Amino acid sequence: MEDCLSVTDSPRKGPTLSTSTSSFEALDPHDPNLSRLATTMFQKTGEFISYELNAPLEDYRLLENMNRATISKYSDMKQITDNLATSTKELQIKLDDLVYEINIIK
């Protein structure tokens, strides 16, 4: 008699409802090379998922640092603007005094 197993047949239990082509049985010994490859695959998948989850966090930290730098720059520019405004007011007062003096001389 010829042993013909269809795709849905389990090597141990015969026909099943599964459409999986895997013949893995939990208690059967299996290929150590396959086990090593599966372990490597799961490790690499774990690393990939970890990176994908950490990438937005790194982006957020970068944005935080950029915001802090921008705040610092705007603070510096505000100080410069305040100093310019004060200097302009002082120069305007001196100009007004000078114009007054020139008008007296005429």
C-alpha atoms as a PDB file:
ATOM      1  CA  MET A   1       0.000   0.000   0.000  1.00  0.00           C
ATOM      2  CA  GLU A   2       1.276   3.447  -0.921  1.00  0.00           C
ATOM      3  CA  ASP A   3       1.583   6.142   1.736  1.00  0.00           C
ATOM      4  CA  CYS A   4       0.005   9.295   0.235  1.00  0.00           C
ATOM      5  CA  LEU A   5      -0.451  12.146   2.644  1.00  0.00           C
ATOM      6  CA  SER A   6      -2.315  15.180   1.406  1.00  0.00           C
ATOM      7  CA  VAL A   7      -1.389  18.741   2.385  1.00  0.00           C
ATOM      8  CA  THR A   8      -3.890  18.747   5.240  1.00  0.00           C
ATOM      9  CA  ASP A   9      -2.717  15.435   6.712  1.00  0.00           C
ATOM     10  CA  SER A  10      -0.676  15.395   9.892  1.00  0.00           C
ATOM     11  CA  PRO A  11       2.195  12.882   9.799  1.00  0.00           C
ATOM     12  CA  ARG A  12       1.093  11.488  13.109  1.00  0.00           C
ATOM     13  CA  LYS A  13      -2.640  12.054  13.312  1.00  0.00           C
ATOM     14  CA  GLY A  14      -3.728  11.789   9.702  1.00  0.00           C
ATOM     15  CA  PRO A  15      -6.219  14.189   8.069  1.00  0.00           C
ATOM     16  CA  THR A  16      -6.787  17.526   9.796  1.00  0.00           C
ATOM     17  CA  LEU A  17      -8.763  20.669   9.074  1.00  0.00           C
ATOM     18  CA  SER A  18      -5.580  22.754   8.958  1.00  0.00           C
ATOM     19  CA  THR A  19      -4.402  24.171   5.648  1.00  0.00           C
ATOM     20  CA  SER A  20      -0.923  24.729   7.061  1.00  0.00           C
ATOM     21  CA  THR A  21       1.868  22.967   5.218  1.00  0.00           C
ATOM     22  CA  SER A  22       3.855  22.622   8.429  1.00  0.00           C
ATOM     23  CA  SER A  23       4.365  19.137   9.741  1.00  0.00           C
ATOM     24  CA  PHE A  24       5.516  20.360  13.158  1.00  0.00           C
ATOM     25  CA  GLU A  25       4.347  18.277  16.051  1.00  0.00           C
ATOM     26  CA  ALA A  26       4.974  19.794  19.487  1.00  0.00           C
ATOM     27  CA  LEU A  27       6.403  16.683  21.101  1.00  0.00           C
ATOM     28  CA  ASP A  28       8.389  15.375  18.107  1.00  0.00           C
ATOM     29  CA  PRO A  29      12.120  16.103  17.969  1.00  0.00           C
ATOM     30  CA  HIS A  30      12.903  18.620  15.291  1.00  0.00           C
ATOM     31  CA  ASP A  31      15.857  19.857  13.265  1.00  0.00           C
ATOM     32  CA  PRO A  32      18.325  21.836  15.457  1.00  0.00           C
ATOM     33  CA  ASN A  33      19.329  23.939  12.446  1.00  0.00           C
ATOM     34  CA  LEU A  34      15.691  24.924  11.954  1.00  0.00           C
ATOM     35  CA  SER A  35      15.441  25.760  15.648  1.00  0.00           C
ATOM     36  CA  ARG A  36      18.576  27.937  15.435  1.00  0.00           C
ATOM     37  CA  LEU A  37      17.265  29.718  12.350  1.00  0.00           C
ATOM     38  CA  ALA A  38      13.865  30.287  13.980  1.00  0.00           C
ATOM     39  CA  THR A  39      15.553  31.687  17.101  1.00  0.00           C
ATOM     40  CA  THR A  40      17.664  34.020  14.956  1.00  0.00           C
ATOM     41  CA  MET A  41      14.581  35.124  13.033  1.00  0.00           C
ATOM     42  CA  PHE A  42      12.683  35.915  16.235  1.00  0.00           C
ATOM     43  CA  GLN A  43      15.674  37.820  17.644  1.00  0.00           C
ATOM     44  CA  LYS A  44      15.993  39.886  14.459  1.00  0.00           C
ATOM     45  CA  THR A  45      12.251  40.495  14.415  1.00  0.00           C
ATOM     46  CA  GLY A  46      12.423  41.597  18.043  1.00  0.00           C
ATOM     47  CA  GLU A  47      15.277  43.990  17.245  1.00  0.00           C
ATOM     48  CA  PHE A  48      13.324  45.408  14.308  1.00  0.00           C
ATOM     49  CA  ILE A  49      10.186  45.948  16.375  1.00  0.00           C
ATOM     50  CA  SER A  50      12.239  47.485  19.167  1.00  0.00           C
ATOM     51  CA  TYR A  51      13.828  49.913  16.700  1.00  0.00           C
ATOM     52  CA  GLU A  52      10.447  50.760  15.189  1.00  0.00           C
ATOM     53  CA  LEU A  53       9.076  51.537  18.649  1.00  0.00           C
ATOM     54  CA  ASN A  54      12.131  53.561  19.713  1.00  0.00           C
ATOM     55  CA  ALA A  55      12.448  55.619  16.514  1.00  0.00           C
ATOM     56  CA  PRO A  56       9.508  57.930  17.365  1.00  0.00           C
ATOM     57  CA  LEU A  57      10.942  58.392  20.862  1.00  0.00           C
ATOM     58  CA  GLU A  58      14.271  59.473  19.369  1.00  0.00           C
ATOM     59  CA  ASP A  59      12.412  61.831  17.019  1.00  0.00           C
ATOM     60  CA  TYR A  60      10.577  63.307  20.017  1.00  0.00           C
ATOM     61  CA  ARG A  61      13.864  63.837  21.885  1.00  0.00           C
ATOM     62  CA  LEU A  62      15.347  65.539  18.827  1.00  0.00           C
ATOM     63  CA  LEU A  63      12.321  67.847  18.631  1.00  0.00           C
ATOM     64  CA  GLU A  64      12.644  68.642  22.335  1.00  0.00           C
ATOM     65  CA  ASN A  65      16.312  69.588  21.862  1.00  0.00           C
ATOM     66  CA  MET A  66      15.462  71.692  18.812  1.00  0.00           C
ATOM     67  CA  ASN A  67      12.723  73.476  20.786  1.00  0.00           C
ATOM     68  CA  ARG A  68      15.124  74.224  23.641  1.00  0.00           C
ATOM     69  CA  ALA A  69      17.682  75.618  21.189  1.00  0.00           C
ATOM     70  CA  THR A  70      14.994  77.731  19.496  1.00  0.00           C
ATOM     71  CA  ILE A  71      13.806  79.085  22.852  1.00  0.00           C
ATOM     72  CA  SER A  72      17.375  80.026  23.727  1.00  0.00           C
ATOM     73  CA  LYS A  73      17.924  81.757  20.371  1.00  0.00           C
ATOM     74  CA  TYR A  74      14.653  83.704  20.633  1.00  0.00           C
ATOM     75  CA  SER A  75      15.566  84.741  24.168  1.00  0.00           C
ATOM     76  CA  ASP A  76      18.924  86.035  22.920  1.00  0.00           C
ATOM     77  CA  MET A  77      17.238  87.883  20.051  1.00  0.00           C
ATOM     78  CA  LYS A  78      14.736  89.452  22.477  1.00  0.00           C
ATOM     79  CA  GLN A  79      17.578  90.705  24.648  1.00  0.00           C
ATOM     80  CA  ILE A  80      19.332  92.168  21.587  1.00  0.00           C
ATOM     81  CA  THR A  81      16.071  93.792  20.468  1.00  0.00           C
ATOM     82  CA  ASP A  82      15.516  95.303  23.922  1.00  0.00           C
ATOM     83  CA  ASN A  83      19.073  96.683  23.896  1.00  0.00           C
ATOM     84  CA  LEU A  84      18.540  98.147  20.421  1.00  0.00           C
ATOM     85  CA  ALA A  85      15.270  99.746  21.497  1.00  0.00           C
ATOM     86  CA  THR A  86      16.961 101.333  24.518  1.00  0.00           C
ATOM     87  CA  SER A  87      19.881 102.562  22.402  1.00  0.00           C
ATOM     88  CA  THR A  88      17.487 103.963  19.785  1.00  0.00           C
ATOM     89  CA  LYS A  89      15.542 105.880  22.451  1.00  0.00           C
ATOM     90  CA  GLU A  90      18.783 107.310  23.860  1.00  0.00           C
ATOM     91  CA  LEU A  91      19.941 108.333  20.382  1.00  0.00           C
ATOM     92  CA  GLN A  92      16.552 109.893  19.650  1.00  0.00           C
ATOM     93  CA  ILE A  93      16.806 112.008  22.826  1.00  0.00           C
ATOM     94  CA  LYS A  94      20.319 113.103  21.846  1.00  0.00           C
ATOM     95  CA  LEU A  95      19.124 113.920  18.313  1.00  0.00           C
ATOM     96  CA  ASP A  96      16.221 115.957  19.664  1.00  0.00           C
ATOM     97  CA  ASP A  97      18.640 117.894  21.895  1.00  0.00           C
ATOM     98  CA  LEU A  98      20.993 118.440  18.954  1.00  0.00           C
ATOM     99  CA  VAL A  99      18.183 119.646  16.696  1.00  0.00           C
ATOM    100  CA  TYR A 100      17.082 122.047  19.449  1.00  0.00           C
ATOM    101  CA  GLU A 101      20.638 123.369  19.751  1.00  0.00           C
ATOM    102  CA  ILE A 102      20.960 123.785  15.966  1.00  0.00           C
ATOM    103  CA  ASN A 103      17.667 125.669  15.828  1.00  0.00           C
ATOM    104  CA  ILE A 104      18.908 128.051  18.547  1.00  0.00           C
ATOM    105  CA  ILE A 105      22.117 128.732  16.587  1.00  0.00           C
ATOM    106  CA  LYS A 106      20.161 129.620  13.412  1.00  0.00           C
END
